[in-house]
Amino acid sequence: MRSVLIVIVLAGVIGCQPAEEPAPTESTERAIAPASLNAVDVNPDIHEVEFENDLVRVIRTRRPAGHKSGMHTHMPGVYVSLNEDTLGEVGNTFDNAGEEHETENTTDSERHSVMVELKVDSGTPVEAPSHDAVVVDGEHHTIEFENDLVRVVRMTYPEGYATPEHNHYAGVNILLTDIRATSGPEGEELEPAENEAGYAAWADTGEPHITTNLGGEMQLIRVELKIK
């Protein structure tokens, strides 16, 4: 299984604070795919830009049964499967580093995925989170893939689980299951929030917080950026 980079944010639910778009920095270099082969331009019928900022572009793809794409490329990034498909099970991630290719759905059902494309190939390293979730709760936050630019973390919270106080690198969260949870500083009265599987959003590092799962098992992938 090759590694890829993508993230989803449950703003205010996965223990992350809503974020402002990162400001451009002089140190970053853009790595955008050629416009003529940009997947969103080649096949706008199946690719939709969910959101983007100065660091990432998040694309949602819904590929009907039998659909064959035109030749296209992506910026280097991480692919996350949102249903079982020929590439793997739900939540499977793999690298898609800008190679020209065509993609065909040879199954009899729609293929649903999210891809987090990285718009920078260098930048200023950011400090590790003060209460790094992977360090303080490694049992429920496992690293899928990591390099100098990103870290892809799988989060799995059993029903009723409350995390220790933690935070994350800024990045994108992608929900693999429906969720109902609270997230915020210890001791505060919090309102539950709900989101459906497949939801994706950006979140900043945020202050240390506790996330409490109020539903069934909760799973998500977070693509964390280690540069700015």
Protein backbone atom coordinates (compact mmCIF):
# COMPACT_ATOMS: atom_id res chain seq x y z
CA MET A 1 0.00 0.00 0.00
CA ARG A 2 1.50 3.32 -1.07
CA SER A 3 1.16 6.32 1.19
CA VAL A 4 -0.74 9.50 0.40
CA LEU A 5 -1.68 12.77 2.02
CA ILE A 6 -5.23 13.86 2.93
CA VAL A 7 -7.05 15.21 5.91
CA ILE A 8 -10.50 16.10 7.17
CA VAL A 9 -11.46 18.56 9.85
CA LEU A 10 -14.48 18.36 12.09
CA ALA A 11 -14.28 21.96 13.14
CA GLY A 12 -15.09 22.06 16.82
CA VAL A 13 -15.90 18.35 17.01
CA ILE A 14 -12.63 16.48 16.64
CA GLY A 15 -10.94 18.66 19.17
CA CYS A 16 -9.79 21.26 16.69
CA GLN A 17 -10.64 24.92 16.55
CA PRO A 18 -12.07 26.47 13.35
CA ALA A 19 -9.25 27.97 11.37
CA GLU A 20 -8.51 31.01 9.33
CA GLU A 21 -6.90 30.36 5.97
CA PRO A 22 -3.12 30.24 6.33
CA ALA A 23 -1.46 33.41 5.05
CA PRO A 24 0.91 33.07 2.08
CA THR A 25 4.57 32.89 3.00
CA GLU A 26 7.55 33.92 0.90
CA SER A 27 9.36 30.66 1.66
CA THR A 28 6.82 28.38 0.00
CA GLU A 29 7.13 27.10 -3.56
CA ARG A 30 4.00 26.16 -5.47
CA ALA A 31 3.73 22.70 -7.01
CA ILE A 32 0.43 23.01 -8.91
CA ALA A 33 -0.34 20.51 -11.69
CA PRO A 34 -0.28 21.85 -15.28
CA ALA A 35 -3.64 23.49 -16.03
CA SER A 36 -4.14 21.37 -19.15
CA LEU A 37 -3.97 18.14 -17.12
CA ASN A 38 -5.49 19.38 -13.88
CA ALA A 39 -7.97 16.68 -12.82
CA VAL A 40 -10.66 19.24 -11.94
CA ASP A 41 -10.36 20.82 -15.42
CA VAL A 42 -10.18 17.51 -17.30
CA ASN A 43 -13.16 15.89 -15.55
CA PRO A 44 -15.25 18.55 -13.76
CA ASP A 45 -18.20 16.11 -13.90
CA ILE A 46 -16.65 13.92 -11.18
CA HIS A 47 -14.06 16.14 -9.42
CA GLU A 48 -15.17 19.00 -7.17
CA VAL A 49 -12.94 21.29 -5.13
CA GLU A 50 -14.25 20.96 -1.57
CA PHE A 51 -12.10 23.82 -0.31
CA GLU A 52 -8.59 25.20 -0.63
CA ASN A 53 -6.22 27.60 1.08
CA ASP A 54 -2.62 28.62 0.55
CA LEU A 55 -1.32 25.18 1.57
CA VAL A 56 -3.77 22.54 0.33
CA ARG A 57 -6.52 21.85 -2.19
CA VAL A 58 -9.08 19.23 -1.16
CA ILE A 59 -10.91 17.44 -3.98
CA ARG A 60 -13.97 15.22 -3.64
CA THR A 61 -14.42 12.62 -6.36
CA ARG A 62 -17.58 10.65 -7.13
CA ARG A 63 -16.84 8.29 -10.02
CA PRO A 64 -19.92 6.48 -11.44
CA ALA A 65 -19.78 2.80 -12.36
CA GLY A 66 -18.02 2.34 -15.69
CA HIS A 67 -16.62 5.89 -15.79
CA LYS A 68 -13.21 6.38 -17.42
CA SER A 69 -11.38 9.64 -16.88
CA GLY A 70 -9.29 11.58 -19.36
CA MET A 71 -5.53 11.72 -18.93
CA HIS A 72 -4.85 13.92 -15.90
CA THR A 73 -2.54 14.69 -12.98
CA HIS A 74 -2.83 15.80 -9.37
CA MET A 75 -0.54 17.82 -7.19
CA PRO A 76 1.36 15.46 -4.85
CA GLY A 77 -0.99 14.44 -2.08
CA VAL A 78 -2.95 11.81 -0.19
CA TYR A 79 -5.93 9.84 -1.45
CA VAL A 80 -8.55 8.57 1.01
CA SER A 81 -11.14 6.02 -0.08
CA LEU A 82 -14.61 6.58 1.41
CA ASN A 83 -16.09 3.29 0.28
CA GLU A 84 -14.74 -0.17 -0.43
CA ASP A 85 -13.24 -0.20 -3.90
CA THR A 86 -10.64 -1.86 -6.09
CA LEU A 87 -7.96 0.27 -4.40
CA GLY A 88 -8.74 -0.90 -0.91
CA GLU A 89 -11.14 -0.69 2.01
CA VAL A 90 -12.76 2.38 3.49
CA GLY A 91 -10.07 4.73 4.77
CA ASN A 92 -7.33 3.27 2.59
CA THR A 93 -4.69 5.91 1.80
CA PHE A 94 -2.02 5.95 -0.88
CA ASP A 95 0.42 8.25 -2.66
CA ASN A 96 -0.56 10.02 -5.86
CA ALA A 97 2.53 12.04 -6.63
CA GLY A 98 1.65 13.90 -9.81
CA GLU A 99 2.00 11.08 -12.37
CA GLU A 100 -0.07 11.39 -15.57
CA HIS A 101 -2.74 8.69 -15.61
CA GLU A 102 -6.24 7.64 -16.56
CA THR A 103 -8.63 6.09 -14.03
CA GLU A 104 -11.50 3.73 -14.78
CA ASN A 105 -14.19 2.48 -12.40
CA THR A 106 -14.61 -1.15 -13.42
CA THR A 107 -17.05 -1.93 -10.60
CA ASP A 108 -20.85 -1.70 -10.65
CA SER A 109 -21.07 1.02 -7.97
CA GLU A 110 -19.95 4.61 -7.47
CA ARG A 111 -16.43 5.17 -6.10
CA HIS A 112 -16.27 7.98 -3.53
CA SER A 113 -12.98 9.47 -2.36
CA VAL A 114 -11.29 12.61 -1.07
CA MET A 115 -7.82 13.76 -2.02
CA VAL A 116 -5.73 16.30 -0.17
CA GLU A 117 -3.33 17.90 -2.64
CA LEU A 118 -0.29 19.71 -1.27
CA LYS A 119 0.27 23.14 -2.86
CA VAL A 120 3.74 23.54 -1.35
CA ASP A 121 6.85 21.40 -1.64
CA SER A 122 8.91 23.30 0.92
CA GLY A 123 8.40 25.78 3.74
CA THR A 124 9.22 26.69 7.31
CA PRO A 125 8.95 23.71 9.69
CA VAL A 126 6.40 24.15 12.47
CA GLU A 127 6.93 23.02 16.04
CA ALA A 128 5.30 19.79 17.15
CA PRO A 129 1.96 20.26 18.99
CA SER A 130 2.35 20.98 22.69
CA HIS A 131 0.15 17.98 23.61
CA ASP A 132 0.76 15.84 20.51
CA ALA A 133 -2.13 13.36 20.17
CA VAL A 134 0.20 10.66 18.83
CA VAL A 135 2.38 10.99 21.93
CA VAL A 136 -0.26 11.35 24.65
CA ASP A 137 -2.73 8.82 23.18
CA GLY A 138 -0.84 6.59 20.76
CA GLU A 139 -3.33 3.76 21.17
CA HIS A 140 -6.06 5.79 19.45
CA HIS A 141 -3.91 8.00 17.16
CA THR A 142 -1.68 5.95 14.83
CA ILE A 143 0.63 7.26 12.09
CA GLU A 144 -0.22 5.93 8.61
CA PHE A 145 2.50 7.85 6.81
CA GLU A 146 4.99 10.64 7.53
CA ASN A 147 7.64 12.67 5.72
CA ASP A 148 9.20 16.14 6.06
CA LEU A 149 6.01 17.84 4.84
CA VAL A 150 3.07 15.90 6.26
CA ARG A 151 1.95 13.34 8.79
CA VAL A 152 -1.15 11.22 8.15
CA VAL A 153 -2.84 10.04 11.35
CA ARG A 154 -5.69 7.55 11.78
CA MET A 155 -7.92 8.25 14.79
CA THR A 156 -10.13 5.52 16.24
CA TYR A 157 -12.32 6.28 19.26
CA PRO A 158 -14.46 3.50 20.80
CA GLU A 159 -18.04 4.25 21.79
CA GLY A 160 -18.08 6.50 24.87
CA TYR A 161 -14.32 7.15 24.76
CA ALA A 162 -12.94 10.43 26.15
CA THR A 163 -9.41 11.31 25.02
CA PRO A 164 -6.72 12.72 27.27
CA GLU A 165 -5.98 16.41 26.72
CA HIS A 166 -4.27 16.75 23.33
CA ASN A 167 -3.85 18.77 20.14
CA HIS A 168 -2.56 18.31 16.58
CA TYR A 169 -0.57 19.85 13.76
CA ALA A 170 -2.86 22.01 11.60
CA GLY A 171 -4.39 20.02 8.78
CA VAL A 172 -7.39 18.35 7.18
CA ASN A 173 -9.72 15.85 8.86
CA ILE A 174 -11.70 13.29 6.87
CA LEU A 175 -14.47 11.37 8.62
CA LEU A 176 -14.71 7.66 7.89
CA THR A 177 -17.80 7.20 10.08
CA ASP A 178 -20.74 9.31 11.22
CA ILE A 179 -19.86 11.08 14.46
CA ARG A 180 -21.55 12.64 17.45
CA ALA A 181 -19.05 14.14 19.88
CA THR A 182 -17.97 17.06 22.02
CA SER A 183 -14.56 18.67 21.88
CA GLY A 184 -13.06 21.45 23.96
CA PRO A 185 -11.04 22.40 27.04
CA GLU A 186 -11.43 20.29 30.16
CA GLY A 187 -14.14 21.53 32.50
CA GLU A 188 -16.12 23.56 29.95
CA GLU A 189 -19.78 22.82 29.20
CA LEU A 190 -19.85 21.69 25.57
CA GLU A 191 -22.64 21.20 23.04
CA PRO A 192 -22.53 17.93 21.05
CA ALA A 193 -21.81 18.24 17.33
CA GLU A 194 -22.70 15.79 14.57
CA ASN A 195 -21.24 15.17 11.12
CA GLU A 196 -21.66 12.44 8.51
CA ALA A 197 -19.03 10.07 7.15
CA GLY A 198 -17.11 11.73 4.33
CA TYR A 199 -17.14 15.20 5.88
CA ALA A 200 -13.85 17.04 5.33
CA ALA A 201 -12.56 20.33 6.73
CA TRP A 202 -9.47 22.33 7.70
CA ALA A 203 -8.51 22.89 11.36
CA ASP A 204 -5.71 24.76 13.09
CA THR A 205 -3.56 23.28 15.85
CA GLY A 206 -5.83 24.75 18.49
CA GLU A 207 -5.46 24.70 22.24
CA PRO A 208 -5.20 21.38 24.12
CA HIS A 209 -8.64 19.79 24.35
CA ILE A 210 -10.58 16.66 25.23
CA THR A 211 -12.78 14.90 22.65
CA THR A 212 -15.61 12.69 23.91
CA ASN A 213 -17.27 10.24 21.51
CA LEU A 214 -21.01 10.21 22.18
CA GLY A 215 -21.88 7.74 19.41
CA GLY A 216 -20.67 4.41 18.05
CA GLU A 217 -17.04 3.80 17.09
CA MET A 218 -15.63 6.95 15.49
CA GLN A 219 -12.92 6.84 12.84
CA LEU A 220 -11.23 9.54 10.80
CA ILE A 221 -8.04 10.32 8.90
CA ARG A 222 -6.16 13.54 9.61
CA VAL A 223 -3.60 14.92 7.18
CA GLU A 224 -1.31 17.15 9.23
CA LEU A 225 1.05 19.72 7.74
CA LYS A 226 4.51 19.96 9.26
CA ILE A 227 5.42 23.12 7.33
CA LYS A 228 3.88 26.56 6.81
